[in-house]
């Protein structure tokens, strides 16, 4: 029980970073690391914009640094709310996860019903026949038992709800200041990047236990000035964070989180890298050290399909290295 609460607390913190200030859901899929089961894509995603939704206030002001820095966070947060749901837009891509469970690469497809994924590489090598058989059985179980997939979708919806609430809080939960003269990431060479430092607003009172995760986070964010999406975000836990007054969990200072995202085509933005290093104590008893590195690549825009069709497509795709 303590371990599960600790995992959920880390998930909350991740959403505070990833979606909290403007970027994607990473923890919306059950095959992500255990530490990702609830916070990104407050990051990640995750993160992508629906094809039929206009970008908030697209364009660069004549004097970008003359506007209130908070306005960039407001616009970026609004964009990420749209991105979180990406209505009518679907991608296929690879997700590479390295954590305490090992090194895995999965082929992931977004369907109309939710995302599905197939393990294709493990520890840098092709799957054995036995490993591939187990993965095929898992996916076929989803086809024969819709309730199994429905449970996954329900967990996804719960994570999105948390992300929604934190995104709406971020413009007021943090104080933002310009940091001129910083190196640009170069993600979009044709657009200026606005660099902001953020830290907790002392006047902010967390309305929920999950929102308490925002009170010990500070860092720096790079926002594409034209699209008003986050391209990079760094966060650090500069003081201890209590979840439920510390009775449920305590996140120790010194933790680090970094996320990078890019335009994945078709108006979609998605994270390309997320790293975390956190130490958390659950129920004042169990302490966990959480480390993970997640990368995405090989983005393809695809048409809408059911989760069943997505699974069939995954199963019919030859594995790499064979």
Protein backbone atom coordinates (compact mmCIF):
# COMPACT_ATOMS: atom_id res chain seq x y z
CA UNK A 1 0.00 0.00 0.00
CA UNK A 2 2.78 2.44 0.91
CA UNK A 3 4.59 1.76 -2.35
CA UNK A 4 1.46 2.37 -4.40
CA UNK A 5 0.84 5.70 -2.66
CA UNK A 6 4.46 6.66 -3.27
CA UNK A 7 4.08 5.88 -6.96
CA UNK A 8 0.93 7.96 -7.17
CA UNK A 9 2.66 10.85 -5.41
CA UNK A 10 5.51 10.79 -7.93
CA UNK A 11 2.88 10.69 -10.67
CA UNK A 12 1.30 13.82 -9.18
CA UNK A 13 4.63 15.60 -9.16
CA UNK A 14 5.28 14.64 -12.76
CA UNK A 15 1.98 16.15 -13.87
CA UNK A 16 2.86 19.27 -11.92
CA UNK A 17 5.92 19.61 -14.10
CA UNK A 18 4.80 18.24 -17.43
CA UNK A 19 1.29 19.62 -17.65
CA UNK A 20 1.46 22.07 -14.80
CA UNK A 21 3.38 24.76 -16.57
CA UNK A 22 2.48 23.80 -20.10
CA UNK A 23 3.51 20.45 -21.29
CA UNK A 24 2.54 16.92 -21.94
CA UNK A 25 1.19 13.78 -20.36
CA UNK A 26 3.65 10.98 -20.07
CA UNK A 27 1.86 8.95 -17.53
CA UNK A 28 -1.37 8.27 -19.32
CA UNK A 29 -0.39 4.78 -20.53
CA UNK A 30 -0.20 1.73 -18.29
CA UNK A 31 2.98 0.44 -19.97
CA UNK A 32 5.01 3.45 -18.80
CA UNK A 33 7.25 3.11 -15.71
CA UNK A 34 5.45 2.54 -12.42
CA UNK A 35 6.56 5.97 -11.26
CA UNK A 36 4.55 7.46 -14.14
CA UNK A 37 1.13 6.15 -13.19
CA UNK A 38 -0.34 9.55 -12.19
CA UNK A 39 1.56 13.47 -12.38
CA UNK A 40 2.97 14.19 -16.96
CA UNK A 41 1.47 13.76 -20.41
CA UNK A 42 0.92 16.99 -16.11
CA UNK A 43 4.21 15.74 -19.48
CA UNK A 44 3.63 13.49 -20.93
CA UNK A 45 2.64 12.41 -23.97
CA UNK A 46 2.61 13.38 -24.00
CA UNK A 47 1.37 16.28 -25.54
CA UNK A 48 -0.36 17.03 -28.79
CA UNK A 49 -2.82 19.43 -30.34
CA UNK A 50 -6.03 18.44 -32.10
CA UNK A 51 -6.14 19.18 -35.83
CA UNK A 52 -9.31 21.21 -35.54
CA UNK A 53 -8.21 23.46 -32.67
CA UNK A 54 -6.53 26.81 -33.33
CA UNK A 55 -3.29 27.64 -31.54
CA UNK A 56 -3.86 30.20 -28.81
CA UNK A 57 -2.66 33.68 -29.87
CA UNK A 58 -0.25 32.46 -32.52
CA UNK A 59 2.33 35.08 -33.44
CA UNK A 60 5.14 37.06 -31.83
CA UNK A 61 4.51 40.49 -30.24
CA UNK A 62 6.50 43.42 -31.63
CA UNK A 63 8.34 43.62 -28.28
CA UNK A 64 8.15 40.07 -26.80
CA UNK A 65 9.78 41.01 -23.49
CA UNK A 66 7.56 44.03 -22.95
CA UNK A 67 4.48 41.97 -22.07
CA UNK A 68 3.76 40.53 -18.65
CA UNK A 69 5.76 37.26 -18.46
CA UNK A 70 2.74 35.59 -16.91
CA UNK A 71 0.90 36.04 -20.23
CA UNK A 72 3.25 33.52 -21.88
CA UNK A 73 2.40 30.97 -19.20
CA UNK A 74 -1.32 31.66 -19.61
CA UNK A 75 -1.19 31.13 -23.39
CA UNK A 76 1.08 28.09 -23.18
CA UNK A 77 -1.09 26.49 -20.51
CA UNK A 78 -4.17 27.04 -22.69
CA UNK A 79 -2.36 25.41 -25.62
CA UNK A 80 -1.40 22.44 -23.48
CA UNK A 81 -5.00 21.95 -22.38
CA UNK A 82 -5.89 21.63 -26.06
CA UNK A 83 -2.89 19.39 -26.60
CA UNK A 84 -3.81 17.10 -23.74
CA UNK A 85 -6.97 15.96 -25.52
CA UNK A 86 -5.76 16.22 -29.17
CA UNK A 87 -9.27 15.67 -30.53
CA UNK A 88 -9.31 14.30 -34.08
CA UNK A 89 -5.51 13.94 -34.32
CA UNK A 90 -3.60 10.66 -34.08
CA UNK A 91 0.06 9.63 -34.13
CA UNK A 92 2.16 6.50 -34.23
CA UNK A 93 5.66 6.60 -32.76
CA UNK A 94 8.29 4.75 -30.74
CA UNK A 95 8.73 5.19 -27.01
CA UNK A 96 12.06 4.28 -25.38
CA UNK A 97 11.97 3.88 -21.58
CA UNK A 98 14.96 3.27 -19.31
CA UNK A 99 14.20 2.85 -15.61
CA UNK A 100 14.62 0.37 -12.77
CA UNK A 101 12.68 -2.20 -14.79
CA UNK A 102 15.19 -2.13 -17.62
CA UNK A 103 15.50 -0.78 -21.16
CA UNK A 104 12.42 -1.14 -23.38
CA UNK A 105 11.25 0.23 -26.73
CA UNK A 106 7.57 0.12 -27.68
CA UNK A 107 5.65 0.82 -30.86
CA UNK A 108 2.74 3.06 -29.83
CA UNK A 109 -0.46 3.93 -31.73
CA UNK A 110 -3.08 6.50 -30.71
CA UNK A 111 -6.56 5.20 -31.56
CA UNK A 112 -9.99 6.80 -31.28
CA UNK A 113 -10.47 4.83 -28.05
CA UNK A 114 -7.06 5.48 -26.51
CA UNK A 115 -3.45 4.44 -26.95
CA UNK A 116 -2.09 0.92 -27.38
CA UNK A 117 1.53 -0.23 -27.57
CA UNK A 118 3.62 -3.29 -28.32
CA UNK A 119 7.03 -4.09 -26.86
CA UNK A 120 9.50 -4.43 -29.77
CA UNK A 121 12.97 -4.22 -28.17
CA UNK A 122 14.28 -5.11 -24.72
CA UNK A 123 17.68 -4.18 -23.27
CA UNK A 124 18.82 -3.12 -26.73
CA UNK A 125 18.09 -6.48 -28.36
CA UNK A 126 15.24 -8.09 -30.32
CA UNK A 127 12.64 -9.97 -28.28
CA UNK A 128 13.02 -13.69 -27.77
CA UNK A 129 10.26 -15.95 -29.10
CA UNK A 130 8.94 -16.37 -25.55
CA UNK A 131 8.90 -12.61 -24.88
CA UNK A 132 7.15 -11.92 -28.17
CA UNK A 133 4.57 -14.61 -27.43
CA UNK A 134 3.82 -13.04 -24.04
CA UNK A 135 3.37 -9.62 -25.64
CA UNK A 136 1.05 -11.05 -28.28
CA UNK A 137 -1.02 -12.75 -25.60
CA UNK A 138 -1.34 -9.47 -23.71
CA UNK A 139 -2.60 -7.62 -26.78
CA UNK A 140 -4.92 -10.45 -27.80
CA UNK A 141 -6.40 -10.42 -24.30
CA UNK A 142 -7.43 -6.81 -24.93
CA UNK A 143 -9.21 -7.93 -28.09
CA UNK A 144 -11.09 -10.77 -26.42
CA UNK A 145 -11.79 -8.89 -23.17
CA UNK A 146 -12.92 -5.29 -23.84
CA UNK A 147 -13.23 -4.73 -20.09
CA UNK A 148 -9.44 -5.05 -19.80
CA UNK A 149 -8.96 -2.22 -22.24
CA UNK A 150 -11.82 -0.23 -20.67
CA UNK A 151 -9.94 -0.29 -17.35
CA UNK A 152 -6.87 1.18 -19.07
CA UNK A 153 -9.02 3.94 -20.63
CA UNK A 154 -10.57 4.71 -17.24
CA UNK A 155 -7.13 5.15 -15.68
CA UNK A 156 -6.17 7.38 -18.59
CA UNK A 157 -9.24 9.57 -18.04
CA UNK A 158 -8.39 9.92 -14.35
CA UNK A 159 -4.90 11.13 -15.21
CA UNK A 160 -6.24 13.63 -17.72
CA UNK A 161 -8.60 15.04 -15.11
CA UNK A 162 -5.69 15.68 -12.75
CA UNK A 163 -3.71 17.25 -15.59
CA UNK A 164 -6.62 19.52 -16.50
CA UNK A 165 -6.92 20.83 -12.96
CA UNK A 166 -3.20 21.50 -12.54
CA UNK A 167 -2.87 23.20 -15.91
CA UNK A 168 -5.59 25.66 -14.98
CA UNK A 169 -3.79 26.43 -11.70
CA UNK A 170 -0.29 26.98 -13.10
CA UNK A 171 -0.53 30.65 -14.19
CA UNK A 172 -1.46 31.62 -10.63
CA UNK A 173 0.49 28.94 -8.74
CA UNK A 174 3.83 30.25 -10.04
CA UNK A 175 5.61 33.58 -10.43
CA UNK A 176 7.33 34.09 -13.80
CA UNK A 177 10.32 36.28 -14.68
CA UNK A 178 12.18 36.82 -17.96
CA UNK A 179 15.71 35.43 -18.30
CA UNK A 180 17.09 37.25 -21.36
CA UNK A 181 20.29 36.20 -23.10
CA UNK A 182 19.82 32.46 -22.54
CA UNK A 183 20.90 29.95 -25.23
CA UNK A 184 18.12 28.85 -27.55
CA UNK A 185 17.32 25.14 -27.96
CA UNK A 186 17.16 25.47 -31.75
CA UNK A 187 14.02 23.31 -31.99
CA UNK A 188 12.52 25.88 -34.36
CA UNK A 189 15.30 27.98 -35.94
CA UNK A 190 12.71 30.30 -37.48
CA UNK A 191 11.18 31.34 -34.18
CA UNK A 192 12.39 33.11 -31.04
CA UNK A 193 12.21 31.22 -27.75
CA UNK A 194 11.03 33.07 -24.66
CA UNK A 195 12.92 31.91 -21.56
CA UNK A 196 11.25 32.25 -18.17
CA UNK A 197 12.19 31.27 -14.65
CA UNK A 198 9.33 30.11 -12.44
CA UNK A 199 8.94 29.62 -8.72
CA UNK A 200 5.98 29.07 -6.37
CA UNK A 201 3.72 32.03 -5.74
CA UNK A 202 3.67 32.56 -1.94
CA UNK A 203 0.09 33.82 -2.22
CA UNK A 204 -1.10 30.59 -3.87
CA UNK A 205 -3.11 28.28 -1.65
CA UNK A 206 -3.33 24.72 -3.09
CA UNK A 207 -7.02 23.80 -3.40
CA UNK A 208 -6.33 20.03 -3.48
CA UNK A 209 -3.78 17.52 -2.19
CA UNK A 210 -2.41 17.01 -5.71
CA UNK A 211 -1.90 20.75 -6.10
CA UNK A 212 0.46 20.67 -3.11
CA UNK A 213 3.04 19.24 -5.53
CA UNK A 214 3.38 22.72 -7.07
CA UNK A 215 4.63 24.36 -3.88
CA UNK A 216 8.16 22.92 -3.94
CA UNK A 217 8.92 23.10 -7.66
CA UNK A 218 10.98 25.76 -9.44
CA UNK A 219 12.92 25.94 -12.66
CA UNK A 220 13.21 27.34 -16.16
CA UNK A 221 11.06 27.02 -19.27
CA UNK A 222 11.65 27.75 -22.97
CA UNK A 223 8.49 28.71 -24.91
CA UNK A 224 8.34 28.93 -28.71
CA UNK A 225 7.27 32.55 -29.23
CA UNK A 226 5.31 31.85 -32.43
CA UNK A 227 3.31 28.75 -31.49
CA UNK A 228 3.41 29.39 -27.73
CA UNK A 229 4.26 25.80 -26.92
CA UNK A 230 6.92 24.73 -24.46
CA UNK A 231 10.04 23.29 -26.15
CA UNK A 232 12.04 22.63 -22.98
CA UNK A 233 11.35 22.71 -19.28
CA UNK A 234 13.65 22.13 -16.32
CA UNK A 235 12.38 21.63 -12.80
CA UNK A 236 13.95 21.00 -9.42
CA UNK A 237 12.53 20.19 -6.01
CA UNK A 238 14.08 22.95 -3.93
CA UNK A 239 12.23 22.12 -0.74
CA UNK A 240 10.34 19.17 0.62
CA UNK A 241 6.81 18.64 -0.66
CA UNK A 242 4.16 17.15 1.61
CA UNK A 243 1.23 15.32 0.05
CA UNK A 244 -1.68 15.18 2.45
CA UNK A 245 0.28 17.13 5.12
CA UNK A 246 3.04 14.57 4.81
CA UNK A 247 0.84 11.75 6.06
CA UNK A 248 0.49 10.22 2.58
CA UNK A 249 3.86 11.09 1.13
CA UNK A 250 6.86 13.40 1.31
CA UNK A 251 8.98 14.29 -1.73
CA UNK A 252 12.53 15.19 -0.73
CA UNK A 253 14.41 18.24 -2.03
CA UNK A 254 17.08 17.71 -4.67
CA UNK A 255 14.90 15.99 -7.25
CA UNK A 256 15.35 16.92 -10.92
CA UNK A 257 13.01 16.76 -13.91
CA UNK A 258 13.56 17.76 -17.55
CA UNK A 259 11.23 17.60 -20.52
CA UNK A 260 11.73 18.50 -24.18
CA UNK A 261 9.04 18.52 -26.84
CA UNK A 262 8.75 19.26 -30.52
CA UNK A 263 6.31 19.72 -33.37
CA UNK A 264 5.58 16.15 -34.51
CA UNK A 265 3.73 17.12 -37.70
CA UNK A 266 0.14 17.94 -38.57
CA UNK A 267 -0.13 20.58 -35.88
CA UNK A 268 0.82 18.10 -33.16
CA UNK A 269 3.32 18.74 -30.37
CA UNK A 270 4.76 15.81 -28.44
CA UNK A 271 7.50 15.26 -25.89
CA UNK A 272 10.77 13.85 -27.22
CA UNK A 273 12.56 13.40 -23.90
CA UNK A 274 11.67 13.26 -20.24
CA UNK A 275 14.02 12.51 -17.36
CA UNK A 276 13.33 12.35 -13.65
CA UNK A 277 15.28 11.68 -10.47
CA UNK A 278 13.22 11.82 -7.28
CA UNK A 279 13.25 10.49 -3.73
CA UNK A 280 9.92 10.02 -2.00
CA UNK A 281 8.71 8.62 1.32
CA UNK A 282 5.23 7.08 1.56
CA UNK A 283 3.13 6.90 4.74
CA UNK A 284 6.19 8.06 6.70
CA UNK A 285 7.64 4.56 6.26
CA UNK A 286 8.71 3.47 2.77
CA UNK A 287 11.35 5.46 0.83
CA UNK A 288 11.70 5.11 -2.95
CA UNK A 289 14.41 6.39 -5.29
CA UNK A 290 12.90 6.97 -8.71
CA UNK A 291 14.98 7.38 -11.87
CA UNK A 292 13.68 7.25 -15.43
CA UNK A 293 14.56 8.42 -18.91
CA UNK A 294 11.88 8.39 -21.63
CA UNK A 295 12.35 9.34 -25.28
CA UNK A 296 10.02 9.30 -28.29
CA UNK A 297 10.85 9.24 -32.01
CA UNK A 298 9.72 8.20 -35.50
CA UNK A 299 6.50 10.22 -35.47
CA UNK A 300 3.88 9.35 -38.09
CA UNK A 301 0.52 11.07 -38.60
CA UNK A 302 -2.18 8.41 -39.01
CA UNK A 303 -5.92 8.29 -39.62
CA UNK A 304 -8.54 7.49 -36.96
CA UNK A 305 -8.99 3.82 -36.08
CA UNK A 306 -10.48 1.70 -33.30
CA UNK A 307 -8.22 0.28 -30.63
CA UNK A 308 -8.90 -3.18 -32.08
CA UNK A 309 -7.62 -2.08 -35.50
CA UNK A 310 -4.61 -0.48 -33.82
CA UNK A 311 -3.78 -3.75 -32.06
CA UNK A 312 -4.10 -5.71 -35.30
CA UNK A 313 -1.77 -3.21 -36.98
CA UNK A 314 0.79 -3.61 -34.19
CA UNK A 315 0.61 -7.40 -34.34
CA UNK A 316 1.01 -7.44 -38.12
CA UNK A 317 4.10 -5.21 -38.07
CA UNK A 318 7.38 -7.19 -38.27
CA UNK A 319 9.64 -6.78 -35.25
CA UNK A 320 12.97 -4.99 -35.77
CA UNK A 321 16.04 -7.20 -36.02
CA UNK A 322 14.16 -10.17 -37.44
